[in-house]
């Protein structure tokens, strides 16, 4: 795959081998994680002198029972503890990141912030 002069490989595991690159689903999850982190980084860099690290993990939850909801769980870890009011703003910003808005048409994305690790 190529875009704007960048080349990427997408592959699916076969016969126990990992493949030559991430799966298309992994690319989707990476897009959501990186877009969330970049969108939050823009806000915290504007708001604070030092904001620490932002880590975003995305887990895909496939329903085990018929009729159960399929969703993506987004967990955002900040290395610095923000003010509770700022955390609310950051949650709202994460919910409005471009890739979040794009995929919310198809899936539910649930966001959770956790304290520094």
PDB file of N, CA and C in Angstrom:
ATOM      1  N   UNK A   1       0.858  -1.163   0.000  1.00  0.00           N
ATOM      2  CA  UNK A   1       0.000   0.000   0.000  1.00  0.00           C
ATOM      3  C   UNK A   1       0.899   1.219   0.000  1.00  0.00           C
ATOM      4  N   UNK A   2       0.455   2.256  -0.710  1.00  0.00           N
ATOM      5  CA  UNK A   2       1.211   3.513  -0.706  1.00  0.00           C
ATOM      6  C   UNK A   2       0.257   4.688  -0.549  1.00  0.00           C
ATOM      7  N   UNK A   3       0.749   5.716   0.109  1.00  0.00           N
ATOM      8  CA  UNK A   3       0.029   6.974   0.212  1.00  0.00           C
ATOM      9  C   UNK A   3       1.041   8.089   0.407  1.00  0.00           C
ATOM     10  N   UNK A   4       0.895   9.142  -0.340  1.00  0.00           N
ATOM     11  CA  UNK A   4       1.777  10.310  -0.256  1.00  0.00           C
ATOM     12  C   UNK A   4       3.256   9.934  -0.243  1.00  0.00           C
ATOM     13  N   UNK A   5       3.640   8.915  -0.990  1.00  0.00           N
ATOM     14  CA  UNK A   5       5.036   8.507  -1.076  1.00  0.00           C
ATOM     15  C   UNK A   5       5.497   7.552   0.009  1.00  0.00           C
ATOM     16  N   UNK A   6       4.639   7.228   0.967  1.00  0.00           N
ATOM     17  CA  UNK A   6       4.960   6.260   2.010  1.00  0.00           C
ATOM     18  C   UNK A   6       4.469   4.888   1.565  1.00  0.00           C
ATOM     19  N   UNK A   7       5.235   3.860   1.898  1.00  0.00           N
ATOM     20  CA  UNK A   7       4.869   2.492   1.539  1.00  0.00           C
ATOM     21  C   UNK A   7       4.653   1.678   2.805  1.00  0.00           C
ATOM     22  N   UNK A   8       3.565   0.920   2.828  1.00  0.00           N
ATOM     23  CA  UNK A   8       3.197   0.083   3.967  1.00  0.00           C
ATOM     24  C   UNK A   8       2.860  -1.317   3.474  1.00  0.00           C
ATOM     25  N   UNK A   9       3.010  -2.283   4.367  1.00  0.00           N
ATOM     26  CA  UNK A   9       2.647  -3.666   4.063  1.00  0.00           C
ATOM     27  C   UNK A   9       1.539  -4.075   5.022  1.00  0.00           C
ATOM     28  N   UNK A  10       0.500  -4.669   4.488  1.00  0.00           N
ATOM     29  CA  UNK A  10      -0.559  -5.246   5.311  1.00  0.00           C
ATOM     30  C   UNK A  10      -0.629  -6.728   4.977  1.00  0.00           C
ATOM     31  N   UNK A  11      -0.842  -7.541   5.983  1.00  0.00           N
ATOM     32  CA  UNK A  11      -0.853  -8.985   5.763  1.00  0.00           C
ATOM     33  C   UNK A  11      -1.708  -9.633   6.843  1.00  0.00           C
ATOM     34  N   UNK A  12      -2.095 -10.837   6.621  1.00  0.00           N
ATOM     35  CA  UNK A  12      -2.822 -11.646   7.590  1.00  0.00           C
ATOM     36  C   UNK A  12      -1.945 -12.827   7.970  1.00  0.00           C
ATOM     37  N   UNK A  13      -1.971 -13.253   9.228  1.00  0.00           N
ATOM     38  CA  UNK A  13      -1.205 -14.437   9.623  1.00  0.00           C
ATOM     39  C   UNK A  13      -1.675 -15.676   8.855  1.00  0.00           C
ATOM     40  N   UNK A  14      -0.727 -16.516   8.476  1.00  0.00           N
ATOM     41  CA  UNK A  14      -1.029 -17.762   7.761  1.00  0.00           C
ATOM     42  C   UNK A  14      -0.247 -18.906   8.377  1.00  0.00           C
ATOM     43  N   UNK A  15      -0.918 -19.989   8.658  1.00  0.00           N
ATOM     44  CA  UNK A  15      -0.272 -21.210   9.160  1.00  0.00           C
ATOM     45  C   UNK A  15       0.636 -20.939  10.361  1.00  0.00           C
ATOM     46  N   UNK A  16       0.202 -20.090  11.260  1.00  0.00           N
ATOM     47  CA  UNK A  16       0.964 -19.821  12.475  1.00  0.00           C
ATOM     48  C   UNK A  16       2.018 -18.734  12.333  1.00  0.00           C
ATOM     49  N   UNK A  17       2.315 -18.302  11.111  1.00  0.00           N
ATOM     50  CA  UNK A  17       3.296 -17.235  10.903  1.00  0.00           C
ATOM     51  C   UNK A  17       2.611 -15.881  11.100  1.00  0.00           C
ATOM     52  N   UNK A  18       3.362 -14.892  11.563  1.00  0.00           N
ATOM     53  CA  UNK A  18       2.792 -13.577  11.847  1.00  0.00           C
ATOM     54  C   UNK A  18       2.408 -12.791  10.604  1.00  0.00           C
ATOM     55  N   UNK A  19       3.022 -13.049   9.479  1.00  0.00           N
ATOM     56  CA  UNK A  19       2.780 -12.268   8.277  1.00  0.00           C
ATOM     57  C   UNK A  19       3.864 -11.225   8.087  1.00  0.00           C
ATOM     58  N   UNK A  20       3.780 -10.511   6.983  1.00  0.00           N
ATOM     59  CA  UNK A  20       4.815  -9.532   6.617  1.00  0.00           C
ATOM     60  C   UNK A  20       4.554  -8.138   7.186  1.00  0.00           C
ATOM     61  N   UNK A  21       3.399  -7.933   7.784  1.00  0.00           N
ATOM     62  CA  UNK A  21       3.080  -6.620   8.335  1.00  0.00           C
ATOM     63  C   UNK A  21       1.817  -6.702   9.161  1.00  0.00           C
ATOM     64  N   UNK A  22       1.394  -5.560   9.697  1.00  0.00           N
ATOM     65  CA  UNK A  22       0.161  -5.540  10.482  1.00  0.00           C
ATOM     66  C   UNK A  22      -1.043  -5.936   9.627  1.00  0.00           C
ATOM     67  N   UNK A  23      -2.078  -6.438  10.288  1.00  0.00           N
ATOM     68  CA  UNK A  23      -3.315  -6.760   9.594  1.00  0.00           C
ATOM     69  C   UNK A  23      -4.082  -5.467   9.323  1.00  0.00           C
ATOM     70  N   UNK A  24      -5.039  -5.492   8.410  1.00  0.00           N
ATOM     71  CA  UNK A  24      -5.863  -4.294   8.212  1.00  0.00           C
ATOM     72  C   UNK A  24      -6.559  -3.845   9.497  1.00  0.00           C
ATOM     73  N   UNK A  25      -7.008  -4.776  10.311  1.00  0.00           N
ATOM     74  CA  UNK A  25      -7.634  -4.415  11.579  1.00  0.00           C
ATOM     75  C   UNK A  25      -6.638  -3.726  12.498  1.00  0.00           C
ATOM     76  N   UNK A  26      -5.404  -4.222  12.548  1.00  0.00           N
ATOM     77  CA  UNK A  26      -4.377  -3.580  13.368  1.00  0.00           C
ATOM     78  C   UNK A  26      -4.100  -2.156  12.890  1.00  0.00           C
ATOM     79  N   UNK A  27      -4.110  -1.939  11.576  1.00  0.00           N
ATOM     80  CA  UNK A  27      -3.935  -0.586  11.052  1.00  0.00           C
ATOM     81  C   UNK A  27      -5.069   0.328  11.513  1.00  0.00           C
ATOM     82  N   UNK A  28      -6.296  -0.184  11.513  1.00  0.00           N
ATOM     83  CA  UNK A  28      -7.430   0.608  11.973  1.00  0.00           C
ATOM     84  C   UNK A  28      -7.261   1.000  13.443  1.00  0.00           C
ATOM     85  N   UNK A  29      -6.879   0.028  14.278  1.00  0.00           N
ATOM     86  CA  UNK A  29      -6.692   0.306  15.696  1.00  0.00           C
ATOM     87  C   UNK A  29      -5.529   1.269  15.924  1.00  0.00           C
ATOM     88  N   UNK A  30      -4.457   1.116  15.149  1.00  0.00           N
ATOM     89  CA  UNK A  30      -3.324   2.048  15.259  1.00  0.00           C
ATOM     90  C   UNK A  30      -3.734   3.448  14.823  1.00  0.00           C
ATOM     91  N   UNK A  31      -4.585   3.547  13.804  1.00  0.00           N
ATOM     92  CA  UNK A  31      -5.053   4.866  13.349  1.00  0.00           C
ATOM     93  C   UNK A  31      -5.831   5.566  14.456  1.00  0.00           C
ATOM     94  N   UNK A  32      -6.704   4.833  15.135  1.00  0.00           N
ATOM     95  CA  UNK A  32      -7.473   5.423  16.225  1.00  0.00           C
ATOM     96  C   UNK A  32      -6.559   5.850  17.375  1.00  0.00           C
ATOM     97  N   UNK A  33      -5.623   4.979  17.753  1.00  0.00           N
ATOM     98  CA  UNK A  33      -4.711   5.296  18.858  1.00  0.00           C
ATOM     99  C   UNK A  33      -3.829   6.502  18.530  1.00  0.00           C
ATOM    100  N   UNK A  34      -3.249   6.520  17.342  1.00  0.00           N
ATOM    101  CA  UNK A  34      -2.337   7.616  17.002  1.00  0.00           C
ATOM    102  C   UNK A  34      -3.086   8.932  16.818  1.00  0.00           C
ATOM    103  N   UNK A  35      -4.275   8.895  16.231  1.00  0.00           N
ATOM    104  CA  UNK A  35      -5.058  10.114  16.065  1.00  0.00           C
ATOM    105  C   UNK A  35      -5.455  10.678  17.427  1.00  0.00           C
ATOM    106  N   UNK A  36      -5.864   9.805  18.339  1.00  0.00           N
ATOM    107  CA  UNK A  36      -6.228  10.243  19.683  1.00  0.00           C
ATOM    108  C   UNK A  36      -5.033  10.895  20.375  1.00  0.00           C
ATOM    109  N   UNK A  37      -3.885  10.229  20.333  1.00  0.00           N
ATOM    110  CA  UNK A  37      -2.690  10.762  20.989  1.00  0.00           C
ATOM    111  C   UNK A  37      -2.265  12.101  20.389  1.00  0.00           C
ATOM    112  N   UNK A  38      -2.293  12.212  19.070  1.00  0.00           N
ATOM    113  CA  UNK A  38      -1.880  13.461  18.420  1.00  0.00           C
ATOM    114  C   UNK A  38      -2.844  14.595  18.723  1.00  0.00           C
ATOM    115  N   UNK A  39      -4.141  14.297  18.729  1.00  0.00           N
ATOM    116  CA  UNK A  39      -5.139  15.326  19.028  1.00  0.00           C
ATOM    117  C   UNK A  39      -4.985  15.816  20.462  1.00  0.00           C
ATOM    118  N   UNK A  40      -4.803  14.879  21.406  1.00  0.00           N
ATOM    119  CA  UNK A  40      -4.587  15.272  22.803  1.00  0.00           C
ATOM    120  C   UNK A  40      -3.269  16.019  22.973  1.00  0.00           C
ATOM    121  N   UNK A  41      -2.231  15.603  22.268  1.00  0.00           N
ATOM    122  CA  UNK A  41      -0.920  16.261  22.358  1.00  0.00           C
ATOM    123  C   UNK A  41      -1.038  17.723  21.956  1.00  0.00           C
ATOM    124  N   UNK A  42      -1.796  18.013  20.914  1.00  0.00           N
ATOM    125  CA  UNK A  42      -1.981  19.407  20.493  1.00  0.00           C
ATOM    126  C   UNK A  42      -2.610  20.227  21.617  1.00  0.00           C
ATOM    127  N   UNK A  43      -3.597  19.664  22.289  1.00  0.00           N
ATOM    128  CA  UNK A  43      -4.260  20.381  23.390  1.00  0.00           C
ATOM    129  C   UNK A  43      -3.316  20.573  24.569  1.00  0.00           C
ATOM    130  N   UNK A  44      -2.659  19.513  25.030  1.00  0.00           N
ATOM    131  CA  UNK A  44      -1.837  19.643  26.233  1.00  0.00           C
ATOM    132  C   UNK A  44      -0.606  20.505  25.978  1.00  0.00           C
ATOM    133  N   UNK A  45      -0.060  20.474  24.771  1.00  0.00           N
ATOM    134  CA  UNK A  45       1.068  21.347  24.473  1.00  0.00           C
ATOM    135  C   UNK A  45       0.647  22.815  24.478  1.00  0.00           C
ATOM    136  N   UNK A  46      -0.577  23.087  24.076  1.00  0.00           N
ATOM    137  CA  UNK A  46      -1.101  24.449  24.109  1.00  0.00           C
ATOM    138  C   UNK A  46      -1.389  24.885  25.548  1.00  0.00           C
ATOM    139  N   UNK A  47      -1.910  23.972  26.357  1.00  0.00           N
ATOM    140  CA  UNK A  47      -2.400  24.290  27.702  1.00  0.00           C
ATOM    141  C   UNK A  47      -1.290  24.340  28.761  1.00  0.00           C
ATOM    142  N   UNK A  48      -0.286  23.481  28.653  1.00  0.00           N
ATOM    143  CA  UNK A  48       0.720  23.327  29.706  1.00  0.00           C
ATOM    144  C   UNK A  48       2.129  23.525  29.167  1.00  0.00           C
ATOM    145  N   UNK A  49       3.035  23.891  30.090  1.00  0.00           N
ATOM    146  CA  UNK A  49       4.445  23.957  29.710  1.00  0.00           C
ATOM    147  C   UNK A  49       5.006  22.551  29.549  1.00  0.00           C
ATOM    148  N   UNK A  50       4.727  21.689  30.513  1.00  0.00           N
ATOM    149  CA  UNK A  50       5.146  20.293  30.424  1.00  0.00           C
ATOM    150  C   UNK A  50       3.920  19.429  30.698  1.00  0.00           C
ATOM    151  N   UNK A  51       3.639  18.536  29.804  1.00  0.00           N
ATOM    152  CA  UNK A  51       2.416  17.742  29.931  1.00  0.00           C
ATOM    153  C   UNK A  51       2.698  16.254  30.086  1.00  0.00           C
ATOM    154  N   UNK A  52       3.923  15.844  29.942  1.00  0.00           N
ATOM    155  CA  UNK A  52       4.237  14.429  30.092  1.00  0.00           C
ATOM    156  C   UNK A  52       3.853  13.610  28.872  1.00  0.00           C
ATOM    157  N   UNK A  53       3.857  12.311  29.081  1.00  0.00           N
ATOM    158  CA  UNK A  53       3.604  11.373  27.994  1.00  0.00           C
ATOM    159  C   UNK A  53       2.125  11.009  27.912  1.00  0.00           C
ATOM    160  N   UNK A  54       1.684  10.691  26.700  1.00  0.00           N
ATOM    161  CA  UNK A  54       0.332  10.214  26.438  1.00  0.00           C
ATOM    162  C   UNK A  54       0.454   8.854  25.775  1.00  0.00           C
ATOM    163  N   UNK A  55      -0.176   7.850  26.364  1.00  0.00           N
ATOM    164  CA  UNK A  55      -0.187   6.508  25.776  1.00  0.00           C
ATOM    165  C   UNK A  55      -1.635   6.114  25.540  1.00  0.00           C
ATOM    166  N   UNK A  56      -1.920   5.607  24.350  1.00  0.00           N
ATOM    167  CA  UNK A  56      -3.276   5.206  24.003  1.00  0.00           C
ATOM    168  C   UNK A  56      -3.258   3.736  23.580  1.00  0.00           C
ATOM    169  N   UNK A  57      -4.082   2.945  24.247  1.00  0.00           N
ATOM    170  CA  UNK A  57      -4.242   1.528  23.901  1.00  0.00           C
ATOM    171  C   UNK A  57      -5.673   1.307  23.439  1.00  0.00           C
ATOM    172  N   UNK A  58      -5.835   0.492  22.399  1.00  0.00           N
ATOM    173  CA  UNK A  58      -7.150   0.181  21.865  1.00  0.00           C
ATOM    174  C   UNK A  58      -7.343  -1.330  21.919  1.00  0.00           C
ATOM    175  N   UNK A  59      -8.438  -1.755  22.522  1.00  0.00           N
ATOM    176  CA  UNK A  59      -8.803  -3.173  22.565  1.00  0.00           C
ATOM    177  C   UNK A  59     -10.127  -3.351  21.848  1.00  0.00           C
ATOM    178  N   UNK A  60     -10.187  -4.362  21.006  1.00  0.00           N
ATOM    179  CA  UNK A  60     -11.401  -4.681  20.274  1.00  0.00           C
ATOM    180  C   UNK A  60     -12.178  -5.730  21.044  1.00  0.00           C
ATOM    181  N   UNK A  61     -13.431  -5.438  21.346  1.00  0.00           N
ATOM    182  CA  UNK A  61     -14.281  -6.376  22.081  1.00  0.00           C
ATOM    183  C   UNK A  61     -15.329  -6.946  21.146  1.00  0.00           C
ATOM    184  N   UNK A  62     -15.147  -8.198  20.811  1.00  0.00           N
ATOM    185  CA  UNK A  62     -16.099  -8.936  19.975  1.00  0.00           C
ATOM    186  C   UNK A  62     -17.117  -9.570  20.906  1.00  0.00           C
ATOM    187  N   UNK A  63     -18.394  -9.425  20.618  1.00  0.00           N
ATOM    188  CA  UNK A  63     -19.398 -10.000  21.516  1.00  0.00           C
ATOM    189  C   UNK A  63     -19.314 -11.528  21.551  1.00  0.00           C
ATOM    190  N   UNK A  64     -19.435 -12.060  22.765  1.00  0.00           N
ATOM    191  CA  UNK A  64     -19.423 -13.508  22.930  1.00  0.00           C
ATOM    192  C   UNK A  64     -20.829 -14.076  22.868  1.00  0.00           C
ATOM    193  N   UNK A  65     -21.817 -13.230  23.131  1.00  0.00           N
ATOM    194  CA  UNK A  65     -23.206 -13.678  23.089  1.00  0.00           C
ATOM    195  C   UNK A  65     -23.943 -12.942  21.976  1.00  0.00           C
ATOM    196  N   UNK A  66     -24.883 -13.628  21.377  1.00  0.00           N
ATOM    197  CA  UNK A  66     -25.695 -13.012  20.333  1.00  0.00           C
ATOM    198  C   UNK A  66     -26.416 -11.793  20.892  1.00  0.00           C
ATOM    199  N   UNK A  67     -26.377 -10.695  20.164  1.00  0.00           N
ATOM    200  CA  UNK A  67     -27.043  -9.472  20.580  1.00  0.00           C
ATOM    201  C   UNK A  67     -26.196  -8.549  21.442  1.00  0.00           C
ATOM    202  N   UNK A  68     -25.036  -9.034  21.904  1.00  0.00           N
ATOM    203  CA  UNK A  68     -24.152  -8.192  22.721  1.00  0.00           C
ATOM    204  C   UNK A  68     -23.462  -7.163  21.814  1.00  0.00           C
ATOM    205  N   UNK A  69     -23.051  -6.063  22.414  1.00  0.00           N
ATOM    206  CA  UNK A  69     -22.457  -4.971  21.646  1.00  0.00           C
ATOM    207  C   UNK A  69     -20.993  -5.233  21.312  1.00  0.00           C
ATOM    208  N   UNK A  70     -20.623  -4.915  20.091  1.00  0.00           N
ATOM    209  CA  UNK A  70     -19.229  -4.918  19.646  1.00  0.00           C
ATOM    210  C   UNK A  70     -18.721  -3.492  19.827  1.00  0.00           C
ATOM    211  N   UNK A  71     -17.540  -3.347  20.409  1.00  0.00           N
ATOM    212  CA  UNK A  71     -17.023  -1.996  20.626  1.00  0.00           C
ATOM    213  C   UNK A  71     -15.507  -1.999  20.723  1.00  0.00           C
ATOM    214  N   UNK A  72     -14.944  -0.801  20.669  1.00  0.00           N
ATOM    215  CA  UNK A  72     -13.518  -0.578  20.878  1.00  0.00           C
ATOM    216  C   UNK A  72     -13.357   0.091  22.231  1.00  0.00           C
ATOM    217  N   UNK A  73     -12.461  -0.443  23.051  1.00  0.00           N
ATOM    218  CA  UNK A  73     -12.150   0.165  24.353  1.00  0.00           C
ATOM    219  C   UNK A  73     -10.853   0.941  24.198  1.00  0.00           C
ATOM    220  N   UNK A  74     -10.908   2.242  24.403  1.00  0.00           N
ATOM    221  CA  UNK A  74      -9.724   3.098  24.312  1.00  0.00           C
ATOM    222  C   UNK A  74      -9.309   3.459  25.728  1.00  0.00           C
ATOM    223  N   UNK A  75      -8.063   3.145  26.086  1.00  0.00           N
ATOM    224  CA  UNK A  75      -7.532   3.485  27.400  1.00  0.00           C
ATOM    225  C   UNK A  75      -6.388   4.473  27.201  1.00  0.00           C
ATOM    226  N   UNK A  76      -6.524   5.629  27.820  1.00  0.00           N
ATOM    227  CA  UNK A  76      -5.536   6.694  27.683  1.00  0.00           C
ATOM    228  C   UNK A  76      -4.824   6.845  29.024  1.00  0.00           C
ATOM    229  N   UNK A  77      -3.516   6.720  28.987  1.00  0.00           N
ATOM    230  CA  UNK A  77      -2.700   6.867  30.190  1.00  0.00           C
ATOM    231  C   UNK A  77      -1.849   8.125  30.048  1.00  0.00           C
ATOM    232  N   UNK A  78      -1.912   8.966  31.057  1.00  0.00           N
ATOM    233  CA  UNK A  78      -1.112  10.188  31.094  1.00  0.00           C
ATOM    234  C   UNK A  78      -0.038  10.034  32.158  1.00  0.00           C
ATOM    235  N   UNK A  79       1.171  10.484  31.867  1.00  0.00           N
ATOM    236  CA  UNK A  79       2.245  10.358  32.859  1.00  0.00           C
ATOM    237  C   UNK A  79       2.166  11.450  33.927  1.00  0.00           C
ATOM    238  N   UNK A  80       1.389  12.487  33.668  1.00  0.00           N
ATOM    239  CA  UNK A  80       1.174  13.563  34.636  1.00  0.00           C
ATOM    240  C   UNK A  80      -0.309  13.579  35.000  1.00  0.00           C
ATOM    241  N   UNK A  81      -0.615  13.849  36.261  1.00  0.00           N
ATOM    242  CA  UNK A  81      -2.007  13.893  36.724  1.00  0.00           C
ATOM    243  C   UNK A  81      -2.606  15.263  36.413  1.00  0.00           C
ATOM    244  N   UNK A  82      -3.607  15.329  35.505  1.00  0.00           N
ATOM    245  CA  UNK A  82      -4.200  16.632  35.194  1.00  0.00           C
ATOM    246  C   UNK A  82      -5.255  17.033  36.224  1.00  0.00           C
ATOM    247  N   UNK A  83      -5.589  18.303  36.216  1.00  0.00           N
ATOM    248  CA  UNK A  83      -6.695  18.820  37.010  1.00  0.00           C
ATOM    249  C   UNK A  83      -7.985  18.121  36.533  1.00  0.00           C
ATOM    250  N   UNK A  84      -8.916  17.791  37.433  1.00  0.00           N
ATOM    251  CA  UNK A  84     -10.158  17.105  37.031  1.00  0.00           C
ATOM    252  C   UNK A  84     -10.937  17.843  35.932  1.00  0.00           C
ATOM    253  N   UNK A  85     -10.946  19.172  35.975  1.00  0.00           N
ATOM    254  CA  UNK A  85     -11.644  19.931  34.926  1.00  0.00           C
ATOM    255  C   UNK A  85     -10.949  19.756  33.580  1.00  0.00           C
ATOM    256  N   UNK A  86      -9.603  19.738  33.606  1.00  0.00           N
ATOM    257  CA  UNK A  86      -8.847  19.528  32.370  1.00  0.00           C
ATOM    258  C   UNK A  86      -9.065  18.113  31.839  1.00  0.00           C
ATOM    259  N   UNK A  87      -9.194  17.146  32.745  1.00  0.00           N
ATOM    260  CA  UNK A  87      -9.428  15.767  32.326  1.00  0.00           C
ATOM    261  C   UNK A  87     -10.759  15.653  31.578  1.00  0.00           C
ATOM    262  N   UNK A  88     -11.770  16.370  32.030  1.00  0.00           N
ATOM    263  CA  UNK A  88     -13.070  16.368  31.340  1.00  0.00           C
ATOM    264  C   UNK A  88     -12.916  16.944  29.937  1.00  0.00           C
ATOM    265  N   UNK A  89     -12.181  18.042  29.821  1.00  0.00           N
ATOM    266  CA  UNK A  89     -11.943  18.653  28.506  1.00  0.00           C
ATOM    267  C   UNK A  89     -11.182  17.674  27.614  1.00  0.00           C
ATOM    268  N   UNK A  90     -10.184  17.013  28.172  1.00  0.00           N
ATOM    269  CA  UNK A  90      -9.401  16.056  27.389  1.00  0.00           C
ATOM    270  C   UNK A  90     -10.268  14.889  26.916  1.00  0.00           C
ATOM    271  N   UNK A  91     -11.174  14.437  27.766  1.00  0.00           N
ATOM    272  CA  UNK A  91     -12.098  13.369  27.363  1.00  0.00           C
ATOM    273  C   UNK A  91     -12.952  13.833  26.182  1.00  0.00           C
ATOM    274  N   UNK A  92     -13.476  15.049  26.272  1.00  0.00           N
ATOM    275  CA  UNK A  92     -14.285  15.590  25.179  1.00  0.00           C
ATOM    276  C   UNK A  92     -13.468  15.707  23.893  1.00  0.00           C
ATOM    277  N   UNK A  93     -12.215  16.124  24.016  1.00  0.00           N
ATOM    278  CA  UNK A  93     -11.342  16.250  22.850  1.00  0.00           C
ATOM    279  C   UNK A  93     -11.083  14.877  22.228  1.00  0.00           C
ATOM    280  N   UNK A  94     -10.812  13.869  23.055  1.00  0.00           N
ATOM    281  CA  UNK A  94     -10.581  12.516  22.539  1.00  0.00           C
ATOM    282  C   UNK A  94     -11.809  12.013  21.781  1.00  0.00           C
ATOM    283  N   UNK A  95     -12.993  12.309  22.300  1.00  0.00           N
ATOM    284  CA  UNK A  95     -14.232  11.870  21.656  1.00  0.00           C
ATOM    285  C   UNK A  95     -14.465  12.556  20.317  1.00  0.00           C
ATOM    286  N   UNK A  96     -13.804  13.695  20.089  1.00  0.00           N
ATOM    287  CA  UNK A  96     -13.989  14.444  18.845  1.00  0.00           C
ATOM    288  C   UNK A  96     -12.793  14.341  17.907  1.00  0.00           C
ATOM    289  N   UNK A  97     -11.841  13.452  18.218  1.00  0.00           N
ATOM    290  CA  UNK A  97     -10.701  13.312  17.313  1.00  0.00           C
ATOM    291  C   UNK A  97     -11.201  12.777  15.966  1.00  0.00           C
ATOM    292  N   UNK A  98     -10.552  13.163  14.871  1.00  0.00           N
ATOM    293  CA  UNK A  98     -11.070  12.830  13.539  1.00  0.00           C
ATOM    294  C   UNK A  98     -11.335  11.340  13.284  1.00  0.00           C
ATOM    295  N   UNK A  99     -10.421  10.461  13.666  1.00  0.00           N
ATOM    296  CA  UNK A  99     -10.638   9.038  13.410  1.00  0.00           C
ATOM    297  C   UNK A  99     -11.751   8.496  14.294  1.00  0.00           C
ATOM    298  N   UNK A 100     -11.869   9.007  15.525  1.00  0.00           N
ATOM    299  CA  UNK A 100     -12.976   8.599  16.392  1.00  0.00           C
ATOM    300  C   UNK A 100     -14.308   8.911  15.719  1.00  0.00           C
ATOM    301  N   UNK A 101     -14.458  10.120  15.228  1.00  0.00           N
ATOM    302  CA  UNK A 101     -15.704  10.512  14.575  1.00  0.00           C
ATOM    303  C   UNK A 101     -15.969   9.657  13.343  1.00  0.00           C
ATOM    304  N   UNK A 102     -14.918   9.326  12.624  1.00  0.00           N
ATOM    305  CA  UNK A 102     -15.063   8.503  11.419  1.00  0.00           C
ATOM    306  C   UNK A 102     -15.573   7.105  11.740  1.00  0.00           C
ATOM    307  N   UNK A 103     -14.993   6.460  12.742  1.00  0.00           N
ATOM    308  CA  UNK A 103     -15.382   5.074  13.009  1.00  0.00           C
ATOM    309  C   UNK A 103     -16.604   4.950  13.901  1.00  0.00           C
ATOM    310  N   UNK A 104     -16.999   6.020  14.586  1.00  0.00           N
ATOM    311  CA  UNK A 104     -18.191   5.928  15.424  1.00  0.00           C
ATOM    312  C   UNK A 104     -19.455   5.689  14.614  1.00  0.00           C
ATOM    313  N   UNK A 105     -19.393   5.890  13.320  1.00  0.00           N
ATOM    314  CA  UNK A 105     -20.540   5.567  12.471  1.00  0.00           C
ATOM    315  C   UNK A 105     -20.798   4.065  12.479  1.00  0.00           C
ATOM    316  N   UNK A 106     -19.738   3.268  12.710  1.00  0.00           N
ATOM    317  CA  UNK A 106     -19.872   1.814  12.636  1.00  0.00           C
ATOM    318  C   UNK A 106     -19.776   1.126  13.995  1.00  0.00           C
ATOM    319  N   UNK A 107     -19.008   1.685  14.915  1.00  0.00           N
ATOM    320  CA  UNK A 107     -18.731   1.037  16.188  1.00  0.00           C
ATOM    321  C   UNK A 107     -18.906   1.999  17.344  1.00  0.00           C
ATOM    322  N   UNK A 108     -19.020   1.442  18.518  1.00  0.00           N
ATOM    323  CA  UNK A 108     -18.996   2.224  19.734  1.00  0.00           C
ATOM    324  C   UNK A 108     -17.542   2.292  20.211  1.00  0.00           C
ATOM    325  N   UNK A 109     -17.074   3.487  20.531  1.00  0.00           N
ATOM    326  CA  UNK A 109     -15.735   3.670  21.079  1.00  0.00           C
ATOM    327  C   UNK A 109     -15.907   4.188  22.493  1.00  0.00           C
ATOM    328  N   UNK A 110     -15.427   3.446  23.476  1.00  0.00           N
ATOM    329  CA  UNK A 110     -15.524   3.838  24.884  1.00  0.00           C
ATOM    330  C   UNK A 110     -14.152   4.293  25.347  1.00  0.00           C
ATOM    331  N   UNK A 111     -14.112   5.433  26.024  1.00  0.00           N
ATOM    332  CA  UNK A 111     -12.835   6.029  26.435  1.00  0.00           C
ATOM    333  C   UNK A 111     -12.709   6.029  27.944  1.00  0.00           C
ATOM    334  N   UNK A 112     -11.528   5.636  28.418  1.00  0.00           N
ATOM    335  CA  UNK A 112     -11.234   5.629  29.839  1.00  0.00           C
ATOM    336  C   UNK A 112      -9.853   6.240  30.035  1.00  0.00           C
ATOM    337  N   UNK A 113      -9.715   7.157  30.994  1.00  0.00           N
ATOM    338  CA  UNK A 113      -8.410   7.673  31.378  1.00  0.00           C
ATOM    339  C   UNK A 113      -7.982   6.943  32.637  1.00  0.00           C
ATOM    340  N   UNK A 114      -6.708   6.582  32.728  1.00  0.00           N
ATOM    341  CA  UNK A 114      -6.174   5.955  33.930  1.00  0.00           C
ATOM    342  C   UNK A 114      -5.017   6.800  34.441  1.00  0.00           C
ATOM    343  N   UNK A 115      -4.708   6.678  35.704  1.00  0.00           N
ATOM    344  CA  UNK A 115      -3.647   7.465  36.320  1.00  0.00           C
ATOM    345  C   UNK A 115      -2.261   7.070  35.817  1.00  0.00           C
ATOM    346  N   UNK A 116      -1.263   7.837  36.206  1.00  0.00           N
ATOM    347  CA  UNK A 116       0.120   7.527  35.793  1.00  0.00           C
ATOM    348  C   UNK A 116       0.509   6.121  36.244  1.00  0.00           C
ATOM    349  N   UNK A 117       1.316   5.496  35.412  1.00  0.00           N
ATOM    350  CA  UNK A 117       1.801   4.142  35.717  1.00  0.00           C
ATOM    351  C   UNK A 117       3.250   4.177  36.103  1.00  0.00           C
TER     352      UNK A 117
END
